[in-house]
Amino acid sequence: MRNKELMVGIFAAVAIVLLYFGFNFLKGIDFFSSTSKYYVIYENVDNLAVSNPVQVSGFSVGRVSKIEIMQNKTHSVLVEIDIDSKIQLGDSTKAILDSELLGGKYVILSIGDVKNPLPAGSTLRSEVAKGMFDKITETAEPVASNLQTTLRKFNTAIEGLTKVSQRLDSIFTDLQATPNLLNATLRNANGKITTLSTSFSDVASNLNVTLTELKPTLKNFAVLSDSLKRMELNKTILKTQQTLTSLNETLGRLKKGDNTVSKLMTEDSLYVNMNRLLIRMDSLVSHLNNYPKHFTAPLGKSRKKVVRDLKRDEDKRKADEEKKKAAAKN
């Protein structure tokens, strides 16, 4: 009975010892190799835990053995690491806190040049590596800046297109009003030409009546022609008759409409062309007065420069009108 109890006790003790060693082995504790302790101070360990690995060039050389808060140093975190005693560290060695893709933390030892070896128990220089989100943020910042610049340029272009559209609307409105003005002008011109033609017809009729009434008088003057020969009255009367005959012929031609004056009275094309010519001459004189350099410069200015000057003055004129409207509203 006692042998059985002894065997059970021995078995339980062995099991506990194996469990202890197995658990620590799983935690990364190697009982068969000597280790050296070093310390690192971090401002924030970002979920670093005991037993997290310590690596050199991707190879595990130790583990985190202890983590505690240093309340006397603005709540910094003291991390104790156990590394293989065969690894030599120097005063330039850094303990870099890094993270895996899935969020696991580990410490990377950047040994550097070991000119002055550090003894066990020394404090290493600390550094925190940039995480994936930090790297993504750094990469995204220039892209975001370029995108903002592109959006500003796009907004500027949209504003420019809006202004151009407004100007085109104004031009189309003016063009729509132009035919109405032309129609009104033509109606007035037709009315004046009709009145002038009627006046000429009345004059011709009056002249015919006058000539008819003058015939008896001319016969009476013929009786006195012998006594008035010295005054050459016959020649004067003959010239008068010739003049009246020519005037009758002229009036007849005016009625027939086969000459320039009659066409001016009956057709409006000459009037319209003359009106266009006067408008263009007025525009040319105004341009010459406002922009003499366009005509006096050597060989004249190029068309692009002329268009640019006209556009600049037009924009200035519109700006002045908007200021006047704003002042009137205030």
C-alpha atoms as a PDB file:
ATOM      1  CA  MET A   1       0.000   0.000   0.000  1.00  0.00           C
ATOM      2  CA  ARG A   2       2.766   2.326   0.936  1.00  0.00           C
ATOM      3  CA  ASN A   3       4.636   1.435  -2.265  1.00  0.00           C
ATOM      4  CA  LYS A   4       1.590   2.433  -4.297  1.00  0.00           C
ATOM      5  CA  GLU A   5       1.256   5.755  -2.496  1.00  0.00           C
ATOM      6  CA  LEU A   6       4.958   6.405  -2.982  1.00  0.00           C
ATOM      7  CA  MET A   7       4.712   5.636  -6.677  1.00  0.00           C
ATOM      8  CA  VAL A   8       1.710   7.954  -7.039  1.00  0.00           C
ATOM      9  CA  GLY A   9       3.578  10.741  -5.248  1.00  0.00           C
ATOM     10  CA  ILE A  10       6.662  10.302  -7.367  1.00  0.00           C
ATOM     11  CA  PHE A  11       4.544  10.262 -10.528  1.00  0.00           C
ATOM     12  CA  ALA A  12       2.705  13.429  -9.461  1.00  0.00           C
ATOM     13  CA  ALA A  13       5.965  15.228  -8.668  1.00  0.00           C
ATOM     14  CA  VAL A  14       7.460  14.228 -12.017  1.00  0.00           C
ATOM     15  CA  ALA A  15       4.286  15.364 -13.780  1.00  0.00           C
ATOM     16  CA  ILE A  16       4.376  18.742 -12.030  1.00  0.00           C
ATOM     17  CA  VAL A  17       8.046  19.209 -12.889  1.00  0.00           C
ATOM     18  CA  LEU A  18       7.432  18.252 -16.531  1.00  0.00           C
ATOM     19  CA  LEU A  19       4.428  20.558 -16.673  1.00  0.00           C
ATOM     20  CA  TYR A  20       6.475  23.441 -15.303  1.00  0.00           C
ATOM     21  CA  PHE A  21       9.361  22.884 -17.666  1.00  0.00           C
ATOM     22  CA  GLY A  22       7.013  22.316 -20.618  1.00  0.00           C
ATOM     23  CA  PHE A  23       5.046  25.480 -19.909  1.00  0.00           C
ATOM     24  CA  ASN A  24       8.193  27.561 -19.627  1.00  0.00           C
ATOM     25  CA  PHE A  25       9.589  25.898 -22.730  1.00  0.00           C
ATOM     26  CA  LEU A  26       6.483  26.938 -24.612  1.00  0.00           C
ATOM     27  CA  LYS A  27       7.021  30.461 -23.285  1.00  0.00           C
ATOM     28  CA  GLY A  28      10.500  30.433 -24.792  1.00  0.00           C
ATOM     29  CA  ILE A  29      12.526  29.811 -21.640  1.00  0.00           C
ATOM     30  CA  ASP A  30      15.519  27.633 -22.332  1.00  0.00           C
ATOM     31  CA  PHE A  31      16.828  26.116 -19.085  1.00  0.00           C
ATOM     32  CA  PHE A  32      19.855  24.559 -20.735  1.00  0.00           C
ATOM     33  CA  SER A  33      21.481  27.775 -22.032  1.00  0.00           C
ATOM     34  CA  SER A  34      22.758  30.769 -20.092  1.00  0.00           C
ATOM     35  CA  THR A  35      21.127  34.185 -20.653  1.00  0.00           C
ATOM     36  CA  SER A  36      21.965  37.807 -19.887  1.00  0.00           C
ATOM     37  CA  LYS A  37      19.473  40.395 -18.696  1.00  0.00           C
ATOM     38  CA  TYR A  38      19.200  43.868 -20.240  1.00  0.00           C
ATOM     39  CA  TYR A  39      16.716  46.666 -19.756  1.00  0.00           C
ATOM     40  CA  VAL A  40      14.909  48.994 -22.147  1.00  0.00           C
ATOM     41  CA  ILE A  41      12.728  52.011 -21.309  1.00  0.00           C
ATOM     42  CA  TYR A  42       9.816  52.837 -23.650  1.00  0.00           C
ATOM     43  CA  GLU A  43       7.243  55.626 -23.525  1.00  0.00           C
ATOM     44  CA  ASN A  44       4.593  53.189 -24.778  1.00  0.00           C
ATOM     45  CA  VAL A  45       4.949  49.442 -25.360  1.00  0.00           C
ATOM     46  CA  ASP A  46       1.685  49.173 -27.361  1.00  0.00           C
ATOM     47  CA  ASN A  47       0.503  45.792 -25.965  1.00  0.00           C
ATOM     48  CA  LEU A  48       3.962  44.210 -25.702  1.00  0.00           C
ATOM     49  CA  ALA A  49       3.667  41.152 -23.415  1.00  0.00           C
ATOM     50  CA  VAL A  50       5.972  38.935 -21.373  1.00  0.00           C
ATOM     51  CA  SER A  51       7.459  36.052 -23.415  1.00  0.00           C
ATOM     52  CA  ASN A  52       7.290  38.042 -26.674  1.00  0.00           C
ATOM     53  CA  PRO A  53      10.410  37.236 -28.708  1.00  0.00           C
ATOM     54  CA  VAL A  54      13.616  39.246 -28.998  1.00  0.00           C
ATOM     55  CA  GLN A  55      15.185  38.916 -32.462  1.00  0.00           C
ATOM     56  CA  VAL A  56      18.416  39.729 -34.233  1.00  0.00           C
ATOM     57  CA  SER A  57      18.176  39.761 -38.048  1.00  0.00           C
ATOM     58  CA  GLY A  58      14.952  37.738 -37.858  1.00  0.00           C
ATOM     59  CA  PHE A  59      16.428  35.054 -35.553  1.00  0.00           C
ATOM     60  CA  SER A  60      15.047  34.638 -32.028  1.00  0.00           C
ATOM     61  CA  VAL A  61      17.812  35.155 -29.430  1.00  0.00           C
ATOM     62  CA  GLY A  62      15.724  35.758 -26.307  1.00  0.00           C
ATOM     63  CA  ARG A  63      12.429  36.835 -24.853  1.00  0.00           C
ATOM     64  CA  VAL A  64      10.749  39.571 -22.826  1.00  0.00           C
ATOM     65  CA  SER A  65      10.957  38.425 -19.222  1.00  0.00           C
ATOM     66  CA  LYS A  66       9.344  41.298 -17.322  1.00  0.00           C
ATOM     67  CA  ILE A  67       7.383  44.542 -17.897  1.00  0.00           C
ATOM     68  CA  GLU A  68       6.638  47.162 -15.233  1.00  0.00           C
ATOM     69  CA  ILE A  69       5.600  50.823 -14.956  1.00  0.00           C
ATOM     70  CA  MET A  70       8.185  53.388 -13.774  1.00  0.00           C
ATOM     71  CA  GLN A  71       5.974  55.816 -11.867  1.00  0.00           C
ATOM     72  CA  ASN A  72       8.880  58.042 -10.916  1.00  0.00           C
ATOM     73  CA  LYS A  73       9.723  58.646 -14.618  1.00  0.00           C
ATOM     74  CA  THR A  74       6.502  60.038 -16.047  1.00  0.00           C
ATOM     75  CA  HIS A  75       4.970  56.560 -16.218  1.00  0.00           C
ATOM     76  CA  SER A  76       7.471  55.182 -18.695  1.00  0.00           C
ATOM     77  CA  VAL A  77       7.603  51.394 -19.122  1.00  0.00           C
ATOM     78  CA  LEU A  78      10.637  49.348 -18.074  1.00  0.00           C
ATOM     79  CA  VAL A  79      11.079  46.194 -20.150  1.00  0.00           C
ATOM     80  CA  GLU A  80      13.418  43.433 -19.019  1.00  0.00           C
ATOM     81  CA  ILE A  81      14.736  41.113 -21.739  1.00  0.00           C
ATOM     82  CA  ASP A  82      16.691  37.868 -21.470  1.00  0.00           C
ATOM     83  CA  ILE A  83      18.984  37.168 -24.422  1.00  0.00           C
ATOM     84  CA  ASP A  84      21.569  34.513 -25.179  1.00  0.00           C
ATOM     85  CA  SER A  85      24.769  35.342 -23.291  1.00  0.00           C
ATOM     86  CA  LYS A  86      26.750  34.599 -26.449  1.00  0.00           C
ATOM     87  CA  ILE A  87      25.267  37.742 -28.060  1.00  0.00           C
ATOM     88  CA  GLN A  88      27.511  40.757 -27.440  1.00  0.00           C
ATOM     89  CA  LEU A  89      25.863  44.175 -27.266  1.00  0.00           C
ATOM     90  CA  GLY A  90      27.527  47.578 -27.470  1.00  0.00           C
ATOM     91  CA  ASP A  91      26.697  51.154 -26.498  1.00  0.00           C
ATOM     92  CA  SER A  92      25.303  51.745 -30.007  1.00  0.00           C
ATOM     93  CA  THR A  93      22.841  48.836 -29.785  1.00  0.00           C
ATOM     94  CA  LYS A  94      19.164  49.754 -30.127  1.00  0.00           C
ATOM     95  CA  ALA A  95      16.142  47.801 -28.917  1.00  0.00           C
ATOM     96  CA  ILE A  96      13.478  48.520 -31.558  1.00  0.00           C
ATOM     97  CA  LEU A  97       9.850  47.771 -30.707  1.00  0.00           C
ATOM     98  CA  ASP A  98       8.132  46.476 -33.853  1.00  0.00           C
ATOM     99  CA  SER A  99       4.872  44.743 -34.747  1.00  0.00           C
ATOM    100  CA  GLU A 100       3.826  41.883 -36.989  1.00  0.00           C
ATOM    101  CA  LEU A 101       1.187  42.078 -39.710  1.00  0.00           C
ATOM    102  CA  LEU A 102      -1.455  40.556 -37.427  1.00  0.00           C
ATOM    103  CA  GLY A 103      -0.592  42.843 -34.507  1.00  0.00           C
ATOM    104  CA  GLY A 104       1.872  40.726 -32.498  1.00  0.00           C
ATOM    105  CA  LYS A 105       4.731  42.669 -30.871  1.00  0.00           C
ATOM    106  CA  TYR A 106       8.419  41.783 -30.647  1.00  0.00           C
ATOM    107  CA  VAL A 107      11.755  43.471 -29.950  1.00  0.00           C
ATOM    108  CA  ILE A 108      14.434  43.744 -32.631  1.00  0.00           C
ATOM    109  CA  LEU A 109      18.052  44.260 -31.544  1.00  0.00           C
ATOM    110  CA  SER A 110      20.018  46.479 -33.897  1.00  0.00           C
ATOM    111  CA  ILE A 111      23.500  45.631 -32.581  1.00  0.00           C
ATOM    112  CA  GLY A 112      25.577  47.946 -34.755  1.00  0.00           C
ATOM    113  CA  ASP A 113      29.328  48.335 -34.206  1.00  0.00           C
ATOM    114  CA  VAL A 114      30.336  46.830 -30.845  1.00  0.00           C
ATOM    115  CA  LYS A 115      33.299  49.026 -29.900  1.00  0.00           C
ATOM    116  CA  ASN A 116      32.330  49.387 -26.256  1.00  0.00           C
ATOM    117  CA  PRO A 117      30.627  46.163 -25.065  1.00  0.00           C
ATOM    118  CA  LEU A 118      27.807  46.566 -22.558  1.00  0.00           C
ATOM    119  CA  PRO A 119      27.766  44.297 -19.505  1.00  0.00           C
ATOM    120  CA  ALA A 120      24.673  42.376 -18.486  1.00  0.00           C
ATOM    121  CA  GLY A 121      22.156  44.526 -16.621  1.00  0.00           C
ATOM    122  CA  SER A 122      22.800  47.612 -18.771  1.00  0.00           C
ATOM    123  CA  THR A 123      20.026  49.732 -20.236  1.00  0.00           C
ATOM    124  CA  LEU A 124      19.774  49.744 -24.027  1.00  0.00           C
ATOM    125  CA  ARG A 125      18.680  52.638 -26.213  1.00  0.00           C
ATOM    126  CA  SER A 126      15.041  52.336 -27.214  1.00  0.00           C
ATOM    127  CA  GLU A 127      13.241  53.045 -30.460  1.00  0.00           C
ATOM    128  CA  VAL A 128       9.733  52.380 -31.788  1.00  0.00           C
ATOM    129  CA  ALA A 129       9.405  51.301 -35.419  1.00  0.00           C
ATOM    130  CA  LYS A 130       6.718  52.843 -37.570  1.00  0.00           C
ATOM    131  CA  GLY A 131       3.668  50.667 -37.901  1.00  0.00           C
ATOM    132  CA  MET A 132       1.887  49.746 -41.080  1.00  0.00           C
ATOM    133  CA  PHE A 133      -0.728  52.450 -40.608  1.00  0.00           C
ATOM    134  CA  ASP A 134       1.982  55.064 -40.082  1.00  0.00           C
ATOM    135  CA  LYS A 135       3.655  53.982 -43.325  1.00  0.00           C
ATOM    136  CA  ILE A 136       0.337  54.043 -45.151  1.00  0.00           C
ATOM    137  CA  THR A 137      -0.337  57.517 -43.750  1.00  0.00           C
ATOM    138  CA  GLU A 138       3.068  58.786 -44.897  1.00  0.00           C
ATOM    139  CA  THR A 139       2.455  57.343 -48.365  1.00  0.00           C
ATOM    140  CA  ALA A 140      -1.083  58.709 -48.535  1.00  0.00           C
ATOM    141  CA  GLU A 141      -0.217  62.267 -47.457  1.00  0.00           C
ATOM    142  CA  PRO A 142       1.511  63.249 -50.759  1.00  0.00           C
ATOM    143  CA  VAL A 143      -1.316  61.601 -52.703  1.00  0.00           C
ATOM    144  CA  ALA A 144      -3.905  63.531 -50.676  1.00  0.00           C
ATOM    145  CA  SER A 145      -1.964  66.765 -51.212  1.00  0.00           C
ATOM    146  CA  ASN A 146      -1.814  66.160 -54.973  1.00  0.00           C
ATOM    147  CA  LEU A 147      -5.505  65.305 -54.978  1.00  0.00           C
ATOM    148  CA  GLN A 148      -6.334  68.560 -53.180  1.00  0.00           C
ATOM    149  CA  THR A 149      -4.244  70.512 -55.700  1.00  0.00           C
ATOM    150  CA  THR A 150      -6.028  68.739 -58.563  1.00  0.00           C
ATOM    151  CA  LEU A 151      -9.430  69.505 -57.028  1.00  0.00           C
ATOM    152  CA  ARG A 152      -8.505  73.181 -56.642  1.00  0.00           C
ATOM    153  CA  LYS A 153      -7.447  73.330 -60.292  1.00  0.00           C
ATOM    154  CA  PHE A 154     -10.656  71.559 -61.281  1.00  0.00           C
ATOM    155  CA  ASN A 155     -12.724  74.059 -59.282  1.00  0.00           C
ATOM    156  CA  THR A 156     -10.857  76.925 -60.952  1.00  0.00           C
ATOM    157  CA  ALA A 157     -11.555  75.414 -64.374  1.00  0.00           C
ATOM    158  CA  ILE A 158     -15.246  75.004 -63.507  1.00  0.00           C
ATOM    159  CA  GLU A 159     -15.418  78.658 -62.406  1.00  0.00           C
ATOM    160  CA  GLY A 160     -13.786  79.702 -65.680  1.00  0.00           C
ATOM    161  CA  LEU A 161     -16.295  77.635 -67.680  1.00  0.00           C
ATOM    162  CA  THR A 162     -19.139  79.211 -65.712  1.00  0.00           C
ATOM    163  CA  LYS A 163     -17.893  82.710 -66.553  1.00  0.00           C
ATOM    164  CA  VAL A 164     -17.526  81.764 -70.229  1.00  0.00           C
ATOM    165  CA  SER A 165     -21.058  80.351 -70.221  1.00  0.00           C
ATOM    166  CA  GLN A 166     -22.389  83.581 -68.714  1.00  0.00           C
ATOM    167  CA  ARG A 167     -20.600  85.627 -71.370  1.00  0.00           C
ATOM    168  CA  LEU A 168     -21.977  83.400 -74.137  1.00  0.00           C
ATOM    169  CA  ASP A 169     -25.488  83.825 -72.715  1.00  0.00           C
ATOM    170  CA  SER A 170     -25.011  87.600 -72.806  1.00  0.00           C
ATOM    171  CA  ILE A 171     -23.750  87.450 -76.406  1.00  0.00           C
ATOM    172  CA  PHE A 172     -26.685  85.259 -77.484  1.00  0.00           C
ATOM    173  CA  THR A 173     -29.111  87.650 -75.797  1.00  0.00           C
ATOM    174  CA  ASP A 174     -27.591  90.571 -77.716  1.00  0.00           C
ATOM    175  CA  LEU A 175     -27.741  88.567 -80.954  1.00  0.00           C
ATOM    176  CA  GLN A 176     -31.401  87.791 -80.351  1.00  0.00           C
ATOM    177  CA  ALA A 177     -32.132  91.497 -79.886  1.00  0.00           C
ATOM    178  CA  THR A 178     -30.237  92.483 -83.078  1.00  0.00           C
ATOM    179  CA  PRO A 179     -32.858  91.225 -85.619  1.00  0.00           C
ATOM    180  CA  ASN A 180     -35.575  93.197 -83.835  1.00  0.00           C
ATOM    181  CA  LEU A 181     -33.479  96.359 -84.052  1.00  0.00           C
ATOM    182  CA  LEU A 182     -32.763  95.709 -87.729  1.00  0.00           C
ATOM    183  CA  ASN A 183     -36.443  95.146 -88.456  1.00  0.00           C
ATOM    184  CA  ALA A 184     -37.379  98.382 -86.708  1.00  0.00           C
ATOM    185  CA  THR A 185     -34.686 100.269 -88.633  1.00  0.00           C
ATOM    186  CA  LEU A 186     -35.854  98.809 -91.954  1.00  0.00           C
ATOM    187  CA  ARG A 187     -39.466  99.690 -91.186  1.00  0.00           C
ATOM    188  CA  ASN A 188     -38.476 103.279 -90.451  1.00  0.00           C
ATOM    189  CA  ALA A 189     -36.329 103.410 -93.583  1.00  0.00           C
ATOM    190  CA  ASN A 190     -39.115 101.978 -95.750  1.00  0.00           C
ATOM    191  CA  GLY A 191     -41.521 104.536 -94.346  1.00  0.00           C
ATOM    192  CA  LYS A 192     -39.116 107.387 -95.099  1.00  0.00           C
ATOM    193  CA  ILE A 193     -38.423 106.112 -98.638  1.00  0.00           C
ATOM    194  CA  THR A 194     -42.158 105.739 -99.296  1.00  0.00           C
ATOM    195  CA  THR A 195     -42.733 109.293 -98.078  1.00  0.00           C
ATOM    196  CA  LEU A 196     -39.913 110.572-100.302  1.00  0.00           C
ATOM    197  CA  SER A 197     -41.322 108.751-103.353  1.00  0.00           C
ATOM    198  CA  THR A 198     -44.757 110.183-102.683  1.00  0.00           C
ATOM    199  CA  SER A 199     -43.252 113.658-102.398  1.00  0.00           C
ATOM    200  CA  PHE A 200     -41.475 113.267-105.756  1.00  0.00           C
ATOM    201  CA  SER A 201     -44.713 112.074-107.371  1.00  0.00           C
ATOM    202  CA  ASP A 202     -46.562 115.087-105.997  1.00  0.00           C
ATOM    203  CA  VAL A 203     -43.860 117.413-107.309  1.00  0.00           C
ATOM    204  CA  ALA A 204     -44.061 115.805-110.773  1.00  0.00           C
ATOM    205  CA  SER A 205     -47.839 116.151-110.828  1.00  0.00           C
ATOM    206  CA  ASN A 206     -47.619 119.788-109.768  1.00  0.00           C
ATOM    207  CA  LEU A 207     -45.040 120.463-112.471  1.00  0.00           C
ATOM    208  CA  ASN A 208     -47.282 118.901-115.130  1.00  0.00           C
ATOM    209  CA  VAL A 209     -50.169 121.050-113.996  1.00  0.00           C
ATOM    210  CA  THR A 210     -47.919 124.098-114.003  1.00  0.00           C
ATOM    211  CA  LEU A 211     -46.724 123.369-117.554  1.00  0.00           C
ATOM    212  CA  THR A 212     -50.278 122.939-118.753  1.00  0.00           C
ATOM    213  CA  GLU A 213     -51.223 126.282-117.241  1.00  0.00           C
ATOM    214  CA  LEU A 214     -48.164 127.955-118.765  1.00  0.00           C
ATOM    215  CA  LYS A 215     -49.041 127.023-122.382  1.00  0.00           C
ATOM    216  CA  PRO A 216     -51.602 129.874-122.931  1.00  0.00           C
ATOM    217  CA  THR A 217     -49.205 132.286-121.369  1.00  0.00           C
ATOM    218  CA  LEU A 218     -46.471 131.139-123.720  1.00  0.00           C
ATOM    219  CA  LYS A 219     -48.804 131.737-126.700  1.00  0.00           C
ATOM    220  CA  ASN A 220     -49.355 135.288-125.489  1.00  0.00           C
ATOM    221  CA  PHE A 221     -45.637 135.770-125.225  1.00  0.00           C
ATOM    222  CA  ALA A 222     -45.327 134.620-128.879  1.00  0.00           C
ATOM    223  CA  VAL A 223     -47.450 137.578-129.985  1.00  0.00           C
ATOM    224  CA  LEU A 224     -44.974 139.911-128.330  1.00  0.00           C
ATOM    225  CA  SER A 225     -41.945 138.076-129.680  1.00  0.00           C
ATOM    226  CA  ASP A 226     -41.431 140.458-132.626  1.00  0.00           C
ATOM    227  CA  SER A 227     -41.273 143.501-130.415  1.00  0.00           C
ATOM    228  CA  LEU A 228     -39.031 141.769-127.937  1.00  0.00           C
ATOM    229  CA  LYS A 229     -36.469 140.317-130.345  1.00  0.00           C
ATOM    230  CA  ARG A 230     -33.838 142.713-129.113  1.00  0.00           C
ATOM    231  CA  MET A 231     -34.207 141.175-125.671  1.00  0.00           C
ATOM    232  CA  GLU A 232     -33.791 137.682-127.194  1.00  0.00           C
ATOM    233  CA  LEU A 233     -36.815 136.523-125.239  1.00  0.00           C
ATOM    234  CA  ASN A 234     -37.471 133.693-127.694  1.00  0.00           C
ATOM    235  CA  LYS A 235     -34.117 132.129-126.840  1.00  0.00           C
ATOM    236  CA  THR A 236     -34.815 132.450-123.141  1.00  0.00           C
ATOM    237  CA  ILE A 237     -38.224 130.840-123.488  1.00  0.00           C
ATOM    238  CA  LEU A 238     -36.767 128.075-125.651  1.00  0.00           C
ATOM    239  CA  LYS A 239     -34.176 127.315-122.982  1.00  0.00           C
ATOM    240  CA  THR A 240     -36.908 127.322-120.377  1.00  0.00           C
ATOM    241  CA  GLN A 241     -38.964 124.864-122.423  1.00  0.00           C
ATOM    242  CA  GLN A 242     -35.924 122.643-122.885  1.00  0.00           C
ATOM    243  CA  THR A 243     -35.275 122.740-119.155  1.00  0.00           C
ATOM    244  CA  LEU A 244     -38.860 121.833-118.367  1.00  0.00           C
ATOM    245  CA  THR A 245     -38.768 119.027-120.948  1.00  0.00           C
ATOM    246  CA  SER A 246     -35.605 117.631-119.342  1.00  0.00           C
ATOM    247  CA  LEU A 247     -37.237 117.886-115.941  1.00  0.00           C
ATOM    248  CA  ASN A 248     -40.283 115.974-117.250  1.00  0.00           C
ATOM    249  CA  GLU A 249     -38.011 113.273-118.650  1.00  0.00           C
ATOM    250  CA  THR A 250     -36.168 113.053-115.338  1.00  0.00           C
ATOM    251  CA  LEU A 251     -39.395 112.697-113.410  1.00  0.00           C
ATOM    252  CA  GLY A 252     -40.562 110.055-115.874  1.00  0.00           C
ATOM    253  CA  ARG A 253     -37.396 108.064-115.382  1.00  0.00           C
ATOM    254  CA  LEU A 254     -37.860 108.351-111.642  1.00  0.00           C
ATOM    255  CA  LYS A 255     -41.305 106.836-112.005  1.00  0.00           C
ATOM    256  CA  LYS A 256     -40.044 103.984-114.228  1.00  0.00           C
ATOM    257  CA  GLY A 257     -37.418 102.918-111.643  1.00  0.00           C
ATOM    258  CA  ASP A 258     -34.524 102.280-114.067  1.00  0.00           C
ATOM    259  CA  ASN A 259     -31.957 104.507-112.308  1.00  0.00           C
ATOM    260  CA  THR A 260     -30.095 104.813-108.983  1.00  0.00           C
ATOM    261  CA  VAL A 261     -32.315 107.489-107.438  1.00  0.00           C
ATOM    262  CA  SER A 262     -35.502 105.561-108.201  1.00  0.00           C
ATOM    263  CA  LYS A 263     -33.952 102.367-106.788  1.00  0.00           C
ATOM    264  CA  LEU A 264     -33.001 104.316-103.661  1.00  0.00           C
ATOM    265  CA  MET A 265     -36.657 105.355-103.401  1.00  0.00           C
ATOM    266  CA  THR A 266     -38.106 101.874-104.006  1.00  0.00           C
ATOM    267  CA  GLU A 267     -35.429  99.413-102.726  1.00  0.00           C
ATOM    268  CA  ASP A 268     -33.796  99.248 -99.280  1.00  0.00           C
ATOM    269  CA  SER A 269     -30.655  97.221-100.155  1.00  0.00           C
ATOM    270  CA  LEU A 270     -28.591 100.342-100.868  1.00  0.00           C
ATOM    271  CA  TYR A 271     -29.800 101.902 -97.624  1.00  0.00           C
ATOM    272  CA  VAL A 272     -28.977  98.742 -95.628  1.00  0.00           C
ATOM    273  CA  ASN A 273     -25.497  98.492 -97.169  1.00  0.00           C
ATOM    274  CA  MET A 274     -24.857 102.178 -96.500  1.00  0.00           C
ATOM    275  CA  ASN A 275     -26.059 101.736 -92.920  1.00  0.00           C
ATOM    276  CA  ARG A 276     -23.696  98.754 -92.391  1.00  0.00           C
ATOM    277  CA  LEU A 277     -20.824 100.722 -93.913  1.00  0.00           C
ATOM    278  CA  LEU A 278     -21.472 103.648 -91.553  1.00  0.00           C
ATOM    279  CA  ILE A 279     -21.617 101.292 -88.526  1.00  0.00           C
ATOM    280  CA  ARG A 280     -18.315  99.648 -89.487  1.00  0.00           C
ATOM    281  CA  MET A 281     -16.681 103.037 -90.123  1.00  0.00           C
ATOM    282  CA  ASP A 282     -17.901 104.223 -86.721  1.00  0.00           C
ATOM    283  CA  SER A 283     -16.464 101.047 -85.093  1.00  0.00           C
ATOM    284  CA  LEU A 284     -13.157 101.555 -86.937  1.00  0.00           C
ATOM    285  CA  VAL A 285     -12.908 105.216 -85.840  1.00  0.00           C
ATOM    286  CA  SER A 286     -13.751 104.228 -82.241  1.00  0.00           C
ATOM    287  CA  HIS A 287     -11.091 101.466 -82.343  1.00  0.00           C
ATOM    288  CA  LEU A 288      -8.564 103.935 -83.781  1.00  0.00           C
ATOM    289  CA  ASN A 289      -9.313 106.444 -81.017  1.00  0.00           C
ATOM    290  CA  ASN A 290      -9.175 103.867 -78.212  1.00  0.00           C
ATOM    291  CA  TYR A 291      -6.240 101.786 -79.485  1.00  0.00           C
ATOM    292  CA  PRO A 292      -3.981 103.946 -81.665  1.00  0.00           C
ATOM    293  CA  LYS A 293      -1.056 101.599 -80.956  1.00  0.00           C
ATOM    294  CA  HIS A 294      -2.809  98.870 -82.959  1.00  0.00           C
ATOM    295  CA  PHE A 295      -2.301 101.008 -86.087  1.00  0.00           C
ATOM    296  CA  THR A 296       0.813 103.082 -85.320  1.00  0.00           C
ATOM    297  CA  ALA A 297       3.078 100.241 -84.042  1.00  0.00           C
ATOM    298  CA  PRO A 298       5.588  98.840 -86.589  1.00  0.00           C
ATOM    299  CA  LEU A 299       3.638  96.562 -88.974  1.00  0.00           C
ATOM    300  CA  GLY A 300       0.684  96.839 -86.578  1.00  0.00           C
ATOM    301  CA  LYS A 301      -0.120  94.534 -83.661  1.00  0.00           C
ATOM    302  CA  SER A 302      -0.861  90.837 -84.114  1.00  0.00           C
ATOM    303  CA  ARG A 303      -4.462  89.691 -84.041  1.00  0.00           C
ATOM    304  CA  LYS A 304      -3.901  87.769 -80.771  1.00  0.00           C
ATOM    305  CA  LYS A 305      -2.620  90.901 -79.011  1.00  0.00           C
ATOM    306  CA  VAL A 306      -5.533  92.955 -80.372  1.00  0.00           C
ATOM    307  CA  VAL A 307      -8.040  90.345 -79.144  1.00  0.00           C
ATOM    308  CA  ARG A 308      -6.265  90.189 -75.777  1.00  0.00           C
ATOM    309  CA  ASP A 309      -6.444  94.022 -75.382  1.00  0.00           C
ATOM    310  CA  LEU A 310     -10.120  94.057 -76.315  1.00  0.00           C
ATOM    311  CA  LYS A 311     -10.870  91.211 -73.856  1.00  0.00           C
ATOM    312  CA  ARG A 312      -8.954  92.943 -71.064  1.00  0.00           C
ATOM    313  CA  ASP A 313     -10.868  96.216 -71.597  1.00  0.00           C
ATOM    314  CA  GLU A 314     -14.153  94.346 -71.784  1.00  0.00           C
ATOM    315  CA  ASP A 315     -13.397  92.571 -68.471  1.00  0.00           C
ATOM    316  CA  LYS A 316     -12.410  95.896 -66.910  1.00  0.00           C
ATOM    317  CA  ARG A 317     -15.619  97.515 -68.157  1.00  0.00           C
ATOM    318  CA  LYS A 318     -17.717  94.703 -66.719  1.00  0.00           C
ATOM    319  CA  ALA A 319     -15.846  94.873 -63.406  1.00  0.00           C
ATOM    320  CA  ASP A 320     -16.532  98.647 -63.227  1.00  0.00           C
ATOM    321  CA  GLU A 321     -20.211  98.055 -63.952  1.00  0.00           C
ATOM    322  CA  GLU A 322     -20.416  95.404 -61.213  1.00  0.00           C
ATOM    323  CA  LYS A 323     -18.730  97.786 -58.743  1.00  0.00           C
ATOM    324  CA  LYS A 324     -21.234 100.514 -59.657  1.00  0.00           C
ATOM    325  CA  LYS A 325     -24.131  98.081 -59.184  1.00  0.00           C
ATOM    326  CA  ALA A 326     -22.736  96.949 -55.817  1.00  0.00           C
ATOM    327  CA  ALA A 327     -22.282 100.582 -54.738  1.00  0.00           C
ATOM    328  CA  ALA A 328     -25.848 101.385 -55.834  1.00  0.00           C
ATOM    329  CA  LYS A 329     -27.207  98.445 -53.799  1.00  0.00           C
ATOM    330  CA  ASN A 330     -25.269  99.551 -50.693  1.00  0.00           C
END
